[in-house]
Amino acid sequence: MLTPDTAPPEHSTLDLFERRIPHRPYATDQPGPGLHRMSPKEALKQQHIQINPPSVRFWLAFDIDRRDGAGAWDQADLPEPAWTAQNPENGHAHSVWGIEAPVLLDKPDRQKPVRYLAAVESAYRASLDADPAYGGLLTKNPTHSHWRTFWGRFGVYGLDELADYVDLDRHKPHRGVNVDEVGLGRNVALFDSLRLWAYRSWRRYKLIGATSHDFAESCLRAARERNGDFTCPLPDQEVGHVAKSVSSWVWKRFTLAEFERIQRERGKASGQKRRSASQERRERLMPAILDMVEQGHSQQVIADTLGIGQKTVSRWLKGS
């Protein structure tokens, strides 16, 4: 069970927290516009601090805006967090879980762990009834005396361990499927959108003799435009990391042969989808068609009645 500490806990959580602080974190006593980066030493003196570097997740943090916020994890039957920093005046709290193997968010060839982590984050947010508008850039500094901090005995987990406590089925973001555009869902949505933009645009930029710099600048503009769609946009630095990674990967590794392969696969998938839909439609309408044939109706009357083409009726009857 978590217990409040006024002195540093006698375990590795505090050491890990301080080791994982970004090189130049954002920190402030009053969150709002005009944030500044500072040294870790100075940042640790502030009430709010950045705990995850851009495009890396060491920690999952949640904002629980209710009087019993510090105990929300226990009520939701979740594992013990690394710490919970609570506002002693209103009970609102930030609960934070450590990730054993940090997850990189901006690697085109390493998106599976990101999607897994996004699903875990979404499920935990729902279980905690945490604020979906919380962007996660700043967290209540657990070492600051302004907060009542409850330190856990453990708090650092593998993704499979975290997933064991929740049902991930309805939280998994799959390619081609819309995701909740909050928290890590924004990273997934941004990456998917930007990846498709880059694949579509690559050939045009190559054909006009554009440089990799031209492509990267356009990719960044596309990323910023997509980021503007989010209710709570990602920090521009994080958007820049994703744009740079995607543009570099696509420009260097994408080829005309790869482009043509993707086009063939898309055409094949589209054709299979159309054939599947046509088969389902045929199976659904054939009983009515056969019944109307027995009643002596012409193919044209059948077609007009069912809202399909006469040639379709003829083809289906020949194949029946």
Protein backbone atom coordinates (compact mmCIF):
# COMPACT_ATOMS: atom_id res chain seq x y z
CA MET A 1 0.00 0.00 0.00
CA LEU A 2 1.24 3.49 -0.78
CA THR A 3 2.26 5.63 2.16
CA PRO A 4 3.00 9.38 2.29
CA ASP A 5 6.66 10.32 2.64
CA THR A 6 8.18 13.66 3.52
CA ALA A 7 11.70 12.23 3.16
CA PRO A 8 13.07 10.36 0.14
CA PRO A 9 11.88 6.72 0.11
CA GLU A 10 14.40 4.04 0.87
CA HIS A 11 14.12 2.29 -2.48
CA SER A 12 15.12 2.85 -6.06
CA THR A 13 11.99 4.65 -7.29
CA LEU A 14 13.25 8.11 -6.39
CA ASP A 15 16.68 7.37 -7.88
CA LEU A 16 15.03 6.12 -11.08
CA PHE A 17 12.80 9.20 -11.21
CA GLU A 18 15.80 11.52 -10.98
CA ARG A 19 17.88 9.50 -13.48
CA ARG A 20 15.09 9.56 -16.05
CA ILE A 21 14.48 13.31 -15.96
CA PRO A 22 15.08 14.83 -19.44
CA HIS A 23 18.35 16.63 -20.07
CA ARG A 24 16.62 20.04 -20.16
CA PRO A 25 13.10 19.50 -18.81
CA TYR A 26 10.23 21.94 -18.80
CA ALA A 27 9.34 22.92 -15.24
CA THR A 28 7.30 25.60 -13.51
CA ASP A 29 5.38 26.53 -10.40
CA GLN A 30 2.47 27.84 -12.48
CA PRO A 31 1.61 25.77 -15.62
CA GLY A 32 0.55 27.89 -18.57
CA PRO A 33 1.90 29.60 -21.68
CA GLY A 34 5.56 30.51 -21.86
CA LEU A 35 7.11 27.39 -20.36
CA HIS A 36 10.89 27.31 -20.11
CA ARG A 37 13.42 24.52 -20.03
CA MET A 38 15.97 24.43 -17.23
CA SER A 39 18.59 22.18 -15.72
CA PRO A 40 17.37 19.13 -13.80
CA LYS A 41 18.72 20.68 -10.58
CA GLU A 42 16.60 23.81 -11.06
CA ALA A 43 13.63 21.87 -12.41
CA LEU A 44 13.44 19.75 -9.25
CA LYS A 45 12.76 22.93 -7.29
CA GLN A 46 9.54 23.55 -9.25
CA GLN A 47 6.06 22.20 -8.43
CA HIS A 48 5.53 20.81 -11.95
CA ILE A 49 8.12 19.00 -14.03
CA GLN A 50 8.50 17.16 -17.35
CA ILE A 51 9.25 13.50 -16.66
CA ASN A 52 9.29 12.05 -20.22
CA PRO A 53 11.74 13.19 -22.91
CA PRO A 54 10.28 14.01 -26.32
CA SER A 55 9.26 10.86 -28.21
CA VAL A 56 10.20 8.52 -25.34
CA ARG A 57 7.95 7.10 -22.65
CA PHE A 58 9.57 6.22 -19.34
CA TRP A 59 6.41 6.88 -17.34
CA LEU A 60 2.62 6.74 -17.70
CA ALA A 61 1.02 9.62 -15.81
CA PHE A 62 -2.69 10.23 -15.18
CA ASP A 63 -4.56 13.26 -13.85
CA ILE A 64 -7.35 12.28 -11.45
CA ASP A 65 -9.51 15.28 -10.60
CA ARG A 66 -11.48 14.21 -7.56
CA ARG A 67 -11.06 14.36 -3.81
CA ASP A 68 -10.09 10.71 -3.47
CA GLY A 69 -7.66 10.87 -6.39
CA ALA A 70 -4.77 9.29 -4.48
CA GLY A 71 -6.70 6.06 -3.97
CA ALA A 72 -8.16 5.76 -7.46
CA TRP A 73 -5.64 3.08 -8.52
CA ASP A 74 -6.62 0.87 -5.57
CA GLN A 75 -10.34 1.32 -6.24
CA ALA A 76 -9.76 0.34 -9.88
CA ASP A 77 -7.77 -2.80 -8.91
CA LEU A 78 -4.68 -1.58 -10.74
CA PRO A 79 -1.10 -2.37 -9.71
CA GLU A 80 0.70 -0.10 -7.29
CA PRO A 81 2.01 3.04 -9.02
CA ALA A 82 5.56 4.30 -8.60
CA TRP A 83 4.13 7.34 -6.86
CA THR A 84 1.04 9.49 -6.50
CA ALA A 85 1.43 13.23 -5.92
CA GLN A 86 -1.73 14.70 -4.41
CA ASN A 87 -2.91 18.27 -3.91
CA PRO A 88 -3.60 18.41 -0.14
CA GLU A 89 -6.22 21.12 -0.66
CA ASN A 90 -8.63 19.36 -3.04
CA GLY A 91 -7.40 15.75 -3.20
CA HIS A 92 -6.69 15.86 -6.95
CA ALA A 93 -3.71 13.72 -7.88
CA HIS A 94 -1.26 12.55 -10.51
CA SER A 95 -0.58 8.80 -10.37
CA VAL A 96 2.47 7.56 -12.27
CA TRP A 97 3.57 4.08 -13.37
CA GLY A 98 7.10 3.33 -14.55
CA ILE A 99 7.81 1.38 -17.74
CA GLU A 100 10.59 -1.16 -17.40
CA ALA A 101 11.80 -0.87 -21.02
CA PRO A 102 11.25 2.70 -22.30
CA VAL A 103 9.16 2.94 -25.47
CA LEU A 104 10.35 5.02 -28.44
CA LEU A 105 7.44 6.81 -30.10
CA ASP A 106 8.92 8.07 -33.36
CA LYS A 107 10.47 5.00 -34.99
CA PRO A 108 8.58 3.89 -38.14
CA ASP A 109 9.82 0.31 -37.74
CA ARG A 110 9.01 0.14 -34.01
CA GLN A 111 5.31 1.04 -33.87
CA LYS A 112 4.00 -2.18 -32.33
CA PRO A 113 5.20 -1.30 -28.78
CA VAL A 114 3.73 2.21 -29.19
CA ARG A 115 0.32 0.81 -30.08
CA TYR A 116 0.52 -1.63 -27.20
CA LEU A 117 1.44 1.14 -24.76
CA ALA A 118 -1.33 3.37 -26.16
CA ALA A 119 -3.84 0.60 -25.49
CA VAL A 120 -2.57 0.18 -21.92
CA GLU A 121 -2.70 3.94 -21.33
CA SER A 122 -6.24 4.17 -22.69
CA ALA A 123 -7.43 1.27 -20.53
CA TYR A 124 -5.82 2.72 -17.40
CA ARG A 125 -7.30 6.15 -18.13
CA ALA A 126 -10.76 4.59 -18.37
CA SER A 127 -10.28 2.50 -15.21
CA LEU A 128 -9.10 5.53 -13.22
CA ASP A 129 -11.73 7.83 -14.74
CA ALA A 130 -8.76 10.14 -15.34
CA ASP A 131 -8.91 13.42 -17.26
CA PRO A 132 -8.69 12.68 -21.03
CA ALA A 133 -7.63 16.28 -21.68
CA TYR A 134 -4.45 15.87 -19.65
CA GLY A 135 -1.59 16.11 -22.15
CA GLY A 136 1.07 14.66 -19.87
CA LEU A 137 3.80 17.21 -20.62
CA LEU A 138 4.04 18.31 -16.97
CA THR A 139 3.47 16.25 -13.86
CA LYS A 140 3.23 17.18 -10.20
CA ASN A 141 6.82 16.96 -8.96
CA PRO A 142 6.73 14.14 -6.38
CA THR A 143 9.76 15.54 -4.52
CA HIS A 144 8.22 19.01 -3.99
CA SER A 145 6.85 19.82 -0.56
CA HIS A 146 3.75 21.46 -2.07
CA TRP A 147 2.29 18.00 -2.75
CA ARG A 148 1.45 15.07 -0.52
CA THR A 149 3.42 12.26 -2.18
CA PHE A 150 2.64 8.57 -1.74
CA TRP A 151 5.60 6.43 -2.80
CA GLY A 152 5.08 2.87 -3.98
CA ARG A 153 7.31 -0.04 -3.15
CA PHE A 154 7.64 -1.05 -6.80
CA GLY A 155 5.89 0.88 -9.56
CA VAL A 156 8.03 -0.16 -12.55
CA TYR A 157 6.50 -2.79 -14.81
CA GLY A 158 6.78 -4.51 -18.16
CA LEU A 159 3.95 -3.77 -20.59
CA ASP A 160 2.59 -7.30 -20.26
CA GLU A 161 2.42 -6.87 -16.48
CA LEU A 162 0.50 -3.60 -16.80
CA ALA A 163 -1.83 -5.16 -19.38
CA ASP A 164 -2.71 -8.04 -17.04
CA TYR A 165 -4.83 -5.68 -14.92
CA VAL A 166 -7.12 -4.39 -17.68
CA ASP A 167 -9.12 -5.54 -20.72
CA LEU A 168 -7.29 -4.19 -23.76
CA ASP A 169 -9.65 -5.41 -26.49
CA ARG A 170 -11.58 -2.18 -26.99
CA HIS A 171 -8.53 0.02 -26.45
CA LYS A 172 -6.16 -1.40 -29.07
CA PRO A 173 -5.36 1.09 -31.87
CA HIS A 174 -5.03 -0.84 -35.13
CA ARG A 175 -3.81 0.59 -38.41
CA GLY A 176 -6.68 1.96 -40.43
CA VAL A 177 -8.91 2.20 -37.34
CA ASN A 178 -9.67 5.49 -35.63
CA VAL A 179 -8.26 5.84 -32.11
CA ASP A 180 -9.08 8.19 -29.27
CA GLU A 181 -6.93 11.21 -30.06
CA VAL A 182 -5.81 11.82 -26.48
CA GLY A 183 -2.66 10.81 -24.67
CA LEU A 184 -0.60 8.37 -26.71
CA GLY A 185 -3.55 8.03 -29.07
CA ARG A 186 -2.39 11.35 -30.52
CA ASN A 187 1.02 9.89 -31.31
CA VAL A 188 -0.55 6.88 -33.03
CA ALA A 189 -2.96 9.07 -35.03
CA LEU A 190 -0.19 11.49 -36.00
CA PHE A 191 2.16 8.72 -37.09
CA ASP A 192 -0.51 6.94 -39.15
CA SER A 193 -1.60 10.15 -40.85
CA LEU A 194 1.96 11.25 -41.55
CA ARG A 195 3.07 7.83 -42.77
CA LEU A 196 0.27 7.78 -45.35
CA TRP A 197 1.02 11.36 -46.40
CA ALA A 198 4.70 10.49 -46.87
CA TYR A 199 3.98 7.36 -48.91
CA ARG A 200 1.58 9.25 -51.17
CA SER A 201 3.88 12.28 -51.59
CA TRP A 202 7.26 10.55 -51.96
CA ARG A 203 6.93 9.77 -55.68
CA ARG A 204 5.86 13.31 -56.59
CA TYR A 205 8.80 14.85 -54.72
CA LYS A 206 11.23 12.43 -56.36
CA LEU A 207 9.87 13.13 -59.83
CA ILE A 208 10.27 16.90 -59.52
CA GLY A 209 13.86 16.54 -58.28
CA ALA A 210 13.15 17.79 -54.75
CA THR A 211 15.75 17.29 -52.02
CA SER A 212 15.39 15.38 -48.80
CA HIS A 213 15.29 18.75 -47.03
CA ASP A 214 12.30 19.85 -49.17
CA PHE A 215 10.53 16.60 -48.33
CA ALA A 216 11.31 16.94 -44.62
CA GLU A 217 9.99 20.52 -44.50
CA SER A 218 6.75 19.50 -46.18
CA CYS A 219 6.44 16.52 -43.85
CA LEU A 220 6.83 18.81 -40.85
CA ARG A 221 4.12 21.15 -42.18
CA ALA A 222 1.79 18.19 -42.69
CA ALA A 223 2.54 16.96 -39.15
CA ARG A 224 1.84 20.37 -37.61
CA GLU A 225 -1.40 20.67 -39.54
CA ARG A 226 -2.55 17.25 -38.30
CA ASN A 227 -1.47 18.07 -34.76
CA GLY A 228 -3.71 21.14 -34.88
CA ASP A 229 -6.72 18.83 -35.17
CA PHE A 230 -6.16 17.46 -31.66
CA THR A 231 -8.11 18.96 -28.79
CA CYS A 232 -4.88 18.96 -26.81
CA PRO A 233 -2.04 19.15 -29.38
CA LEU A 234 1.30 17.46 -28.84
CA PRO A 235 4.28 19.67 -27.98
CA ASP A 236 5.89 21.03 -31.15
CA GLN A 237 9.21 19.41 -30.24
CA GLU A 238 7.54 16.00 -30.17
CA VAL A 239 5.79 16.67 -33.48
CA GLY A 240 9.16 17.62 -34.97
CA HIS A 241 10.73 14.36 -33.82
CA VAL A 242 7.97 12.31 -35.47
CA ALA A 243 8.11 14.33 -38.71
CA LYS A 244 11.89 14.04 -38.95
CA SER A 245 11.85 10.32 -38.30
CA VAL A 246 9.09 9.56 -40.82
CA SER A 247 10.47 11.80 -43.57
CA SER A 248 13.99 10.41 -43.17
CA TRP A 249 12.83 6.78 -43.13
CA VAL A 250 10.56 7.13 -46.16
CA TRP A 251 13.04 9.21 -48.21
CA LYS A 252 15.93 6.80 -47.64
CA ARG A 253 14.17 3.46 -47.74
CA PHE A 254 11.17 3.92 -49.98
CA THR A 255 11.74 2.97 -53.63
CA LEU A 256 9.69 2.88 -56.79
CA ALA A 257 9.51 -0.91 -56.47
CA GLU A 258 8.20 -0.55 -52.92
CA PHE A 259 5.68 2.06 -54.08
CA GLU A 260 4.44 -0.27 -56.83
CA ARG A 261 4.27 -3.21 -54.39
CA ILE A 262 2.10 -1.19 -52.00
CA GLN A 263 -0.13 -0.08 -54.86
CA ARG A 264 -0.55 -3.73 -55.97
CA GLU A 265 -1.36 -4.82 -52.41
CA ARG A 266 -3.87 -2.02 -52.02
CA GLY A 267 -5.48 -2.95 -55.35
CA LYS A 268 -5.59 -6.60 -54.34
CA ALA A 269 -7.06 -5.80 -50.92
CA SER A 270 -9.60 -3.46 -52.50
CA GLY A 271 -10.58 -6.12 -55.02
CA GLN A 272 -10.99 -8.75 -52.31
CA LYS A 273 -13.11 -6.34 -50.30
CA ARG A 274 -15.32 -5.61 -53.31
CA ARG A 275 -15.66 -9.31 -54.09
CA SER A 276 -16.55 -10.06 -50.48
CA ALA A 277 -19.18 -7.33 -50.43
CA SER A 278 -20.62 -8.53 -53.74
CA GLN A 279 -20.77 -12.12 -52.50
CA GLU A 280 -22.53 -11.04 -49.30
CA ARG A 281 -25.03 -8.99 -51.34
CA ARG A 282 -25.66 -11.90 -53.71
CA GLU A 283 -26.29 -14.31 -50.86
CA ARG A 284 -28.68 -11.85 -49.28
CA LEU A 285 -30.74 -11.15 -52.43
CA MET A 286 -30.73 -14.51 -54.22
CA PRO A 287 -33.66 -16.00 -52.25
CA ALA A 288 -35.84 -13.05 -53.28
CA ILE A 289 -34.63 -13.25 -56.91
CA LEU A 290 -35.43 -16.98 -57.15
CA ASP A 291 -38.81 -16.44 -55.55
CA MET A 292 -39.69 -13.69 -58.07
CA VAL A 293 -38.49 -15.88 -60.96
CA GLU A 294 -40.88 -18.62 -59.82
CA GLN A 295 -43.65 -16.04 -59.79
CA GLY A 296 -42.94 -15.28 -63.46
CA HIS A 297 -41.42 -11.80 -63.11
CA SER A 298 -38.97 -10.63 -65.77
CA GLN A 299 -35.34 -9.97 -64.92
CA GLN A 300 -35.89 -6.24 -65.47
CA VAL A 301 -38.81 -6.15 -63.00
CA ILE A 302 -36.72 -8.09 -60.48
CA ALA A 303 -33.82 -5.68 -60.95
CA ASP A 304 -36.03 -2.60 -60.55
CA THR A 305 -37.73 -4.06 -57.48
CA LEU A 306 -34.49 -4.96 -55.69
CA GLY A 307 -32.51 -1.90 -56.81
CA ILE A 308 -29.83 -3.76 -58.76
CA GLY A 309 -28.87 -3.94 -62.43
CA GLN A 310 -30.60 -6.31 -64.87
CA LYS A 311 -27.20 -7.63 -65.98
CA THR A 312 -26.38 -8.41 -62.34
CA VAL A 313 -29.61 -10.40 -62.00
CA SER A 314 -28.78 -12.31 -65.19
CA ARG A 315 -25.21 -13.05 -64.08
CA TRP A 316 -26.30 -14.24 -60.65
CA LEU A 317 -28.96 -16.51 -62.11
CA LYS A 318 -26.49 -18.07 -64.52
CA GLY A 319 -24.15 -18.79 -61.61
CA SER A 320 -26.82 -20.22 -59.33
